[in-house]
Amino acid sequence: MTINNLLPERIDTDRQKFMAERMMKDKGITMKEARARIAESIAAKRFGQPKEFGDACAYLCSVQASFISGQNLQLDGGSYAGLI
């Protein structure tokens, strides 16, 4: 039995659209500016893509990853400082 965790941060989904809309209202800025500010706070300087999350999930569920167990896979564009 394998148990692993996918730990996503700021994947470009409806949740990120909601967060950008909140920032727009709070700061009086455009959607483009809100998204740029959020992306700037990510080490990779961009949002993760749902396909990237799906690909990581598919790999961990595959036969090729059958010997990987008890791992936490950070999908955060390098933002978690504890790994640096």
PDB file of N, CA and C in Angstrom:
ATOM      1  N   MET A   1       0.846  -1.187   0.000  1.00  0.00           N
ATOM      2  CA  MET A   1       0.000   0.000   0.000  1.00  0.00           C
ATOM      3  C   MET A   1       0.885   1.242   0.000  1.00  0.00           C
ATOM      4  N   THR A   2       0.537   2.202  -0.824  1.00  0.00           N
ATOM      5  CA  THR A   2       1.262   3.473  -0.852  1.00  0.00           C
ATOM      6  C   THR A   2       0.326   4.605  -0.465  1.00  0.00           C
ATOM      7  N   ILE A   3       0.867   5.534   0.299  1.00  0.00           N
ATOM      8  CA  ILE A   3       0.111   6.731   0.675  1.00  0.00           C
ATOM      9  C   ILE A   3       1.025   7.926   0.453  1.00  0.00           C
ATOM     10  N   ASN A   4       0.627   8.814  -0.432  1.00  0.00           N
ATOM     11  CA  ASN A   4       1.385  10.017  -0.737  1.00  0.00           C
ATOM     12  C   ASN A   4       0.439  11.213  -0.721  1.00  0.00           C
ATOM     13  N   ASN A   5       1.012  12.381  -0.608  1.00  0.00           N
ATOM     14  CA  ASN A   5       0.219  13.612  -0.606  1.00  0.00           C
ATOM     15  C   ASN A   5       0.671  14.543  -1.716  1.00  0.00           C
ATOM     16  N   LEU A   6      -0.282  15.150  -2.383  1.00  0.00           N
ATOM     17  CA  LEU A   6      -0.003  16.230  -3.321  1.00  0.00           C
ATOM     18  C   LEU A   6      -0.358  17.530  -2.607  1.00  0.00           C
ATOM     19  N   LEU A   7       0.585  18.448  -2.542  1.00  0.00           N
ATOM     20  CA  LEU A   7       0.395  19.694  -1.806  1.00  0.00           C
ATOM     21  C   LEU A   7       0.459  20.878  -2.766  1.00  0.00           C
ATOM     22  N   PRO A   8      -0.671  21.197  -3.414  1.00  0.00           N
ATOM     23  CA  PRO A   8      -0.671  22.276  -4.402  1.00  0.00           C
ATOM     24  C   PRO A   8      -0.800  23.647  -3.751  1.00  0.00           C
ATOM     25  N   GLU A   9      -0.210  24.613  -4.409  1.00  0.00           N
ATOM     26  CA  GLU A   9      -0.378  26.005  -3.993  1.00  0.00           C
ATOM     27  C   GLU A   9      -0.568  26.859  -5.233  1.00  0.00           C
ATOM     28  N   ARG A  10      -1.609  27.596  -5.256  1.00  0.00           N
ATOM     29  CA  ARG A  10      -1.946  28.546  -6.311  1.00  0.00           C
ATOM     30  C   ARG A  10      -1.909  27.945  -7.716  1.00  0.00           C
ATOM     31  N   ILE A  11      -2.714  26.903  -7.859  1.00  0.00           N
ATOM     32  CA  ILE A  11      -2.974  26.317  -9.172  1.00  0.00           C
ATOM     33  C   ILE A  11      -4.051  27.187  -9.814  1.00  0.00           C
ATOM     34  N   ASP A  12      -3.916  27.461 -11.098  1.00  0.00           N
ATOM     35  CA  ASP A  12      -4.801  28.399 -11.803  1.00  0.00           C
ATOM     36  C   ASP A  12      -6.200  27.808 -11.987  1.00  0.00           C
ATOM     37  N   THR A  13      -7.005  27.934 -10.940  1.00  0.00           N
ATOM     38  CA  THR A  13      -8.372  27.399 -10.916  1.00  0.00           C
ATOM     39  C   THR A  13      -9.346  28.525 -10.557  1.00  0.00           C
ATOM     40  N   ASP A  14     -10.610  28.171 -10.437  1.00  0.00           N
ATOM     41  CA  ASP A  14     -11.622  29.156 -10.045  1.00  0.00           C
ATOM     42  C   ASP A  14     -11.310  29.785  -8.688  1.00  0.00           C
ATOM     43  N   ARG A  15     -10.659  29.045  -7.817  1.00  0.00           N
ATOM     44  CA  ARG A  15     -10.294  29.593  -6.503  1.00  0.00           C
ATOM     45  C   ARG A  15      -9.337  30.774  -6.683  1.00  0.00           C
ATOM     46  N   GLN A  16      -8.398  30.666  -7.597  1.00  0.00           N
ATOM     47  CA  GLN A  16      -7.456  31.766  -7.831  1.00  0.00           C
ATOM     48  C   GLN A  16      -8.144  32.957  -8.494  1.00  0.00           C
ATOM     49  N   LYS A  17      -9.135  32.669  -9.325  1.00  0.00           N
ATOM     50  CA  LYS A  17      -9.929  33.766  -9.904  1.00  0.00           C
ATOM     51  C   LYS A  17     -10.660  34.511  -8.786  1.00  0.00           C
ATOM     52  N   PHE A  18     -11.244  33.765  -7.850  1.00  0.00           N
ATOM     53  CA  PHE A  18     -11.935  34.361  -6.712  1.00  0.00           C
ATOM     54  C   PHE A  18     -10.972  35.217  -5.889  1.00  0.00           C
ATOM     55  N   MET A  19      -9.780  34.700  -5.620  1.00  0.00           N
ATOM     56  CA  MET A  19      -8.809  35.443  -4.821  1.00  0.00           C
ATOM     57  C   MET A  19      -8.372  36.724  -5.538  1.00  0.00           C
ATOM     58  N   ALA A  20      -8.199  36.665  -6.851  1.00  0.00           N
ATOM     59  CA  ALA A  20      -7.843  37.853  -7.631  1.00  0.00           C
ATOM     60  C   ALA A  20      -8.985  38.872  -7.613  1.00  0.00           C
ATOM     61  N   GLU A  21     -10.224  38.387  -7.717  1.00  0.00           N
ATOM     62  CA  GLU A  21     -11.376  39.295  -7.655  1.00  0.00           C
ATOM     63  C   GLU A  21     -11.437  39.994  -6.305  1.00  0.00           C
ATOM     64  N   ARG A  22     -11.150  39.274  -5.245  1.00  0.00           N
ATOM     65  CA  ARG A  22     -11.110  39.882  -3.910  1.00  0.00           C
ATOM     66  C   ARG A  22     -10.036  40.964  -3.836  1.00  0.00           C
ATOM     67  N   MET A  23      -8.870  40.663  -4.385  1.00  0.00           N
ATOM     68  CA  MET A  23      -7.788  41.644  -4.385  1.00  0.00           C
ATOM     69  C   MET A  23      -8.168  42.866  -5.215  1.00  0.00           C
ATOM     70  N   MET A  24      -8.851  42.641  -6.341  1.00  0.00           N
ATOM     71  CA  MET A  24      -9.302  43.751  -7.187  1.00  0.00           C
ATOM     72  C   MET A  24     -10.161  44.717  -6.376  1.00  0.00           C
ATOM     73  N   LYS A  25     -11.123  44.161  -5.644  1.00  0.00           N
ATOM     74  CA  LYS A  25     -12.035  44.985  -4.850  1.00  0.00           C
ATOM     75  C   LYS A  25     -11.302  45.688  -3.710  1.00  0.00           C
ATOM     76  N   ASP A  26     -10.430  44.948  -3.026  1.00  0.00           N
ATOM     77  CA  ASP A  26      -9.708  45.509  -1.873  1.00  0.00           C
ATOM     78  C   ASP A  26      -8.722  46.598  -2.271  1.00  0.00           C
ATOM     79  N   LYS A  27      -8.035  46.399  -3.415  1.00  0.00           N
ATOM     80  CA  LYS A  27      -6.956  47.310  -3.811  1.00  0.00           C
ATOM     81  C   LYS A  27      -7.349  48.286  -4.917  1.00  0.00           C
ATOM     82  N   GLY A  28      -8.538  48.080  -5.517  1.00  0.00           N
ATOM     83  CA  GLY A  28      -8.970  48.951  -6.608  1.00  0.00           C
ATOM     84  C   GLY A  28      -8.095  48.813  -7.844  1.00  0.00           C
ATOM     85  N   ILE A  29      -7.758  47.563  -8.184  1.00  0.00           N
ATOM     86  CA  ILE A  29      -6.889  47.300  -9.343  1.00  0.00           C
ATOM     87  C   ILE A  29      -7.610  46.404 -10.342  1.00  0.00           C
ATOM     88  N   THR A  30      -7.014  46.228 -11.502  1.00  0.00           N
ATOM     89  CA  THR A  30      -7.605  45.375 -12.532  1.00  0.00           C
ATOM     90  C   THR A  30      -7.326  43.903 -12.238  1.00  0.00           C
ATOM     91  N   MET A  31      -8.060  43.041 -12.924  1.00  0.00           N
ATOM     92  CA  MET A  31      -7.837  41.592 -12.803  1.00  0.00           C
ATOM     93  C   MET A  31      -6.412  41.253 -13.220  1.00  0.00           C
ATOM     94  N   LYS A  32      -5.950  41.860 -14.293  1.00  0.00           N
ATOM     95  CA  LYS A  32      -4.596  41.592 -14.779  1.00  0.00           C
ATOM     96  C   LYS A  32      -3.554  41.951 -13.709  1.00  0.00           C
ATOM     97  N   GLU A  33      -3.722  43.099 -13.082  1.00  0.00           N
ATOM     98  CA  GLU A  33      -2.785  43.522 -12.037  1.00  0.00           C
ATOM     99  C   GLU A  33      -2.872  42.606 -10.808  1.00  0.00           C
ATOM    100  N   ALA A  34      -4.069  42.226 -10.428  1.00  0.00           N
ATOM    101  CA  ALA A  34      -4.240  41.332  -9.276  1.00  0.00           C
ATOM    102  C   ALA A  34      -3.546  40.001  -9.530  1.00  0.00           C
ATOM    103  N   ARG A  35      -3.749  39.442 -10.717  1.00  0.00           N
ATOM    104  CA  ARG A  35      -3.101  38.165 -11.052  1.00  0.00           C
ATOM    105  C   ARG A  35      -1.581  38.322 -11.093  1.00  0.00           C
ATOM    106  N   ALA A  36      -1.117  39.441 -11.601  1.00  0.00           N
ATOM    107  CA  ALA A  36       0.329  39.684 -11.655  1.00  0.00           C
ATOM    108  C   ALA A  36       0.912  39.776 -10.245  1.00  0.00           C
ATOM    109  N   ARG A  37       0.212  40.430  -9.337  1.00  0.00           N
ATOM    110  CA  ARG A  37       0.690  40.542  -7.954  1.00  0.00           C
ATOM    111  C   ARG A  37       0.735  39.181  -7.272  1.00  0.00           C
ATOM    112  N   ILE A  38      -0.281  38.384  -7.506  1.00  0.00           N
ATOM    113  CA  ILE A  38      -0.297  37.048  -6.916  1.00  0.00           C
ATOM    114  C   ILE A  38       0.838  36.214  -7.503  1.00  0.00           C
ATOM    115  N   ALA A  39       0.984  36.236  -8.826  1.00  0.00           N
ATOM    116  CA  ALA A  39       2.050  35.462  -9.474  1.00  0.00           C
ATOM    117  C   ALA A  39       3.428  35.903  -8.988  1.00  0.00           C
ATOM    118  N   GLU A  40       3.598  37.175  -8.744  1.00  0.00           N
ATOM    119  CA  GLU A  40       4.882  37.697  -8.270  1.00  0.00           C
ATOM    120  C   GLU A  40       5.252  37.117  -6.904  1.00  0.00           C
ATOM    121  N   SER A  41       4.256  36.727  -6.121  1.00  0.00           N
ATOM    122  CA  SER A  41       4.520  36.174  -4.785  1.00  0.00           C
ATOM    123  C   SER A  41       4.875  34.681  -4.824  1.00  0.00           C
ATOM    124  N   ILE A  42       4.823  34.081  -5.993  1.00  0.00           N
ATOM    125  CA  ILE A  42       5.176  32.669  -6.180  1.00  0.00           C
ATOM    126  C   ILE A  42       6.617  32.616  -6.679  1.00  0.00           C
ATOM    127  N   ALA A  43       7.422  31.734  -6.132  1.00  0.00           N
ATOM    128  CA  ALA A  43       8.834  31.662  -6.523  1.00  0.00           C
ATOM    129  C   ALA A  43       9.014  31.490  -8.034  1.00  0.00           C
ATOM    130  N   ALA A  44       8.157  30.708  -8.671  1.00  0.00           N
ATOM    131  CA  ALA A  44       8.245  30.482 -10.117  1.00  0.00           C
ATOM    132  C   ALA A  44       7.694  31.648 -10.933  1.00  0.00           C
ATOM    133  N   LYS A  45       7.088  32.626 -10.247  1.00  0.00           N
ATOM    134  CA  LYS A  45       6.525  33.828 -10.883  1.00  0.00           C
ATOM    135  C   LYS A  45       5.375  33.527 -11.836  1.00  0.00           C
ATOM    136  N   ARG A  46       4.660  32.440 -11.569  1.00  0.00           N
ATOM    137  CA  ARG A  46       3.482  32.088 -12.366  1.00  0.00           C
ATOM    138  C   ARG A  46       2.600  31.150 -11.555  1.00  0.00           C
ATOM    139  N   PHE A  47       1.350  31.045 -11.983  1.00  0.00           N
ATOM    140  CA  PHE A  47       0.433  30.084 -11.388  1.00  0.00           C
ATOM    141  C   PHE A  47       0.763  28.691 -11.907  1.00  0.00           C
ATOM    142  N   GLY A  48       0.512  27.698 -11.078  1.00  0.00           N
ATOM    143  CA  GLY A  48       0.585  26.326 -11.559  1.00  0.00           C
ATOM    144  C   GLY A  48      -0.605  26.046 -12.457  1.00  0.00           C
ATOM    145  N   GLN A  49      -0.465  25.119 -13.352  1.00  0.00           N
ATOM    146  CA  GLN A  49      -1.543  24.758 -14.260  1.00  0.00           C
ATOM    147  C   GLN A  49      -2.220  23.467 -13.796  1.00  0.00           C
ATOM    148  N   PRO A  50      -3.548  23.386 -13.937  1.00  0.00           N
ATOM    149  CA  PRO A  50      -4.242  22.165 -13.532  1.00  0.00           C
ATOM    150  C   PRO A  50      -3.637  20.911 -14.159  1.00  0.00           C
ATOM    151  N   LYS A  51      -3.167  21.014 -15.398  1.00  0.00           N
ATOM    152  CA  LYS A  51      -2.553  19.863 -16.066  1.00  0.00           C
ATOM    153  C   LYS A  51      -1.290  19.412 -15.318  1.00  0.00           C
ATOM    154  N   GLU A  52      -0.537  20.357 -14.776  1.00  0.00           N
ATOM    155  CA  GLU A  52       0.660  19.993 -14.024  1.00  0.00           C
ATOM    156  C   GLU A  52       0.287  19.196 -12.770  1.00  0.00           C
ATOM    157  N   PHE A  53      -0.778  19.615 -12.098  1.00  0.00           N
ATOM    158  CA  PHE A  53      -1.266  18.872 -10.938  1.00  0.00           C
ATOM    159  C   PHE A  53      -1.728  17.486 -11.374  1.00  0.00           C
ATOM    160  N   GLY A  54      -2.515  17.432 -12.443  1.00  0.00           N
ATOM    161  CA  GLY A  54      -3.017  16.147 -12.943  1.00  0.00           C
ATOM    162  C   GLY A  54      -1.904  15.209 -13.347  1.00  0.00           C
ATOM    163  N   ASP A  55      -0.875  15.745 -13.990  1.00  0.00           N
ATOM    164  CA  ASP A  55       0.256  14.914 -14.399  1.00  0.00           C
ATOM    165  C   ASP A  55       0.993  14.343 -13.188  1.00  0.00           C
ATOM    166  N   ALA A  56       1.181  15.163 -12.153  1.00  0.00           N
ATOM    167  CA  ALA A  56       1.840  14.687 -10.935  1.00  0.00           C
ATOM    168  C   ALA A  56       1.005  13.597 -10.265  1.00  0.00           C
ATOM    169  N   CYS A  57      -0.295  13.804 -10.235  1.00  0.00           N
ATOM    170  CA  CYS A  57      -1.199  12.820  -9.646  1.00  0.00           C
ATOM    171  C   CYS A  57      -1.157  11.510 -10.440  1.00  0.00           C
ATOM    172  N   ALA A  58      -1.219  11.625 -11.758  1.00  0.00           N
ATOM    173  CA  ALA A  58      -1.185  10.430 -12.603  1.00  0.00           C
ATOM    174  C   ALA A  58       0.114   9.656 -12.397  1.00  0.00           C
ATOM    175  N   TYR A  59       1.224  10.376 -12.279  1.00  0.00           N
ATOM    176  CA  TYR A  59       2.498   9.699 -12.054  1.00  0.00           C
ATOM    177  C   TYR A  59       2.483   8.952 -10.717  1.00  0.00           C
ATOM    178  N   LEU A  60       2.057   9.616  -9.649  1.00  0.00           N
ATOM    179  CA  LEU A  60       2.057   8.955  -8.340  1.00  0.00           C
ATOM    180  C   LEU A  60       1.096   7.767  -8.293  1.00  0.00           C
ATOM    181  N   CYS A  61       0.104   7.761  -9.154  1.00  0.00           N
ATOM    182  CA  CYS A  61      -0.843   6.642  -9.219  1.00  0.00           C
ATOM    183  C   CYS A  61      -0.397   5.555 -10.194  1.00  0.00           C
ATOM    184  N   SER A  62       0.716   5.769 -10.861  1.00  0.00           N
ATOM    185  CA  SER A  62       1.158   4.842 -11.903  1.00  0.00           C
ATOM    186  C   SER A  62       2.026   3.717 -11.333  1.00  0.00           C
ATOM    187  N   VAL A  63       2.206   2.690 -12.134  1.00  0.00           N
ATOM    188  CA  VAL A  63       3.092   1.583 -11.791  1.00  0.00           C
ATOM    189  C   VAL A  63       4.516   2.090 -11.602  1.00  0.00           C
ATOM    190  N   GLN A  64       4.923   3.069 -12.392  1.00  0.00           N
ATOM    191  CA  GLN A  64       6.282   3.595 -12.299  1.00  0.00           C
ATOM    192  C   GLN A  64       6.590   4.186 -10.923  1.00  0.00           C
ATOM    193  N   ALA A  65       5.576   4.620 -10.200  1.00  0.00           N
ATOM    194  CA  ALA A  65       5.776   5.220  -8.874  1.00  0.00           C
ATOM    195  C   ALA A  65       5.377   4.261  -7.749  1.00  0.00           C
ATOM    196  N   SER A  66       5.257   2.978  -8.053  1.00  0.00           N
ATOM    197  CA  SER A  66       4.744   2.030  -7.063  1.00  0.00           C
ATOM    198  C   SER A  66       5.650   1.843  -5.852  1.00  0.00           C
ATOM    199  N   PHE A  67       6.905   2.274  -5.922  1.00  0.00           N
ATOM    200  CA  PHE A  67       7.820   2.136  -4.793  1.00  0.00           C
ATOM    201  C   PHE A  67       7.958   3.438  -4.006  1.00  0.00           C
ATOM    202  N   ILE A  68       7.195   4.458  -4.409  1.00  0.00           N
ATOM    203  CA  ILE A  68       7.180   5.743  -3.701  1.00  0.00           C
ATOM    204  C   ILE A  68       6.039   5.704  -2.692  1.00  0.00           C
ATOM    205  N   SER A  69       6.357   5.899  -1.432  1.00  0.00           N
ATOM    206  CA  SER A  69       5.323   5.866  -0.400  1.00  0.00           C
ATOM    207  C   SER A  69       5.681   6.811   0.741  1.00  0.00           C
ATOM    208  N   GLY A  70       4.652   7.422   1.295  1.00  0.00           N
ATOM    209  CA  GLY A  70       4.836   8.299   2.446  1.00  0.00           C
ATOM    210  C   GLY A  70       5.471   9.635   2.098  1.00  0.00           C
ATOM    211  N   GLN A  71       5.275  10.104   0.886  1.00  0.00           N
ATOM    212  CA  GLN A  71       5.899  11.343   0.438  1.00  0.00           C
ATOM    213  C   GLN A  71       4.886  12.473   0.310  1.00  0.00           C
ATOM    214  N   ASN A  72       5.373  13.671   0.507  1.00  0.00           N
ATOM    215  CA  ASN A  72       4.597  14.888   0.280  1.00  0.00           C
ATOM    216  C   ASN A  72       5.202  15.591  -0.923  1.00  0.00           C
ATOM    217  N   LEU A  73       4.447  15.696  -1.993  1.00  0.00           N
ATOM    218  CA  LEU A  73       4.943  16.334  -3.205  1.00  0.00           C
ATOM    219  C   LEU A  73       4.431  17.766  -3.260  1.00  0.00           C
ATOM    220  N   GLN A  74       5.341  18.719  -3.059  1.00  0.00           N
ATOM    221  CA  GLN A  74       5.003  20.140  -3.111  1.00  0.00           C
ATOM    222  C   GLN A  74       4.820  20.555  -4.568  1.00  0.00           C
ATOM    223  N   LEU A  75       3.659  21.029  -4.903  1.00  0.00           N
ATOM    224  CA  LEU A  75       3.369  21.574  -6.228  1.00  0.00           C
ATOM    225  C   LEU A  75       3.134  23.056  -6.043  1.00  0.00           C
ATOM    226  N   ASP A  76       4.214  23.779  -5.789  1.00  0.00           N
ATOM    227  CA  ASP A  76       4.085  25.169  -5.353  1.00  0.00           C
ATOM    228  C   ASP A  76       5.026  26.122  -6.075  1.00  0.00           C
ATOM    229  N   GLY A  77       5.624  25.680  -7.148  1.00  0.00           N
ATOM    230  CA  GLY A  77       6.519  26.558  -7.901  1.00  0.00           C
ATOM    231  C   GLY A  77       7.745  26.993  -7.107  1.00  0.00           C
ATOM    232  N   GLY A  78       8.130  26.190  -6.120  1.00  0.00           N
ATOM    233  CA  GLY A  78       9.298  26.506  -5.316  1.00  0.00           C
ATOM    234  C   GLY A  78       9.056  27.489  -4.191  1.00  0.00           C
ATOM    235  N   SER A  79       7.800  27.720  -3.839  1.00  0.00           N
ATOM    236  CA  SER A  79       7.476  28.740  -2.840  1.00  0.00           C
ATOM    237  C   SER A  79       7.709  28.324  -1.393  1.00  0.00           C
ATOM    238  N   TYR A  80       7.747  27.031  -1.117  1.00  0.00           N
ATOM    239  CA  TYR A  80       7.934  26.598   0.271  1.00  0.00           C
ATOM    240  C   TYR A  80       9.401  26.734   0.646  1.00  0.00           C
ATOM    241  N   ALA A  81       9.698  27.705   1.481  1.00  0.00           N
ATOM    242  CA  ALA A  81      11.087  28.031   1.831  1.00  0.00           C
ATOM    243  C   ALA A  81      11.788  26.896   2.572  1.00  0.00           C
ATOM    244  N   GLY A  82      11.064  26.012   3.204  1.00  0.00           N
ATOM    245  CA  GLY A  82      11.669  24.905   3.938  1.00  0.00           C
ATOM    246  C   GLY A  82      12.418  23.938   3.058  1.00  0.00           C
ATOM    247  N   LEU A  83      12.189  23.971   1.776  1.00  0.00           N
ATOM    248  CA  LEU A  83      12.861  23.060   0.855  1.00  0.00           C
ATOM    249  C   LEU A  83      14.098  23.675   0.221  1.00  0.00           C
ATOM    250  N   ILE A  84      14.350  24.922   0.494  1.00  0.00           N
ATOM    251  CA  ILE A  84      15.486  25.602  -0.126  1.00  0.00           C
ATOM    252  C   ILE A  84      16.700  25.497   0.762  1.00  0.00           C
TER     253      ILE A  84
END
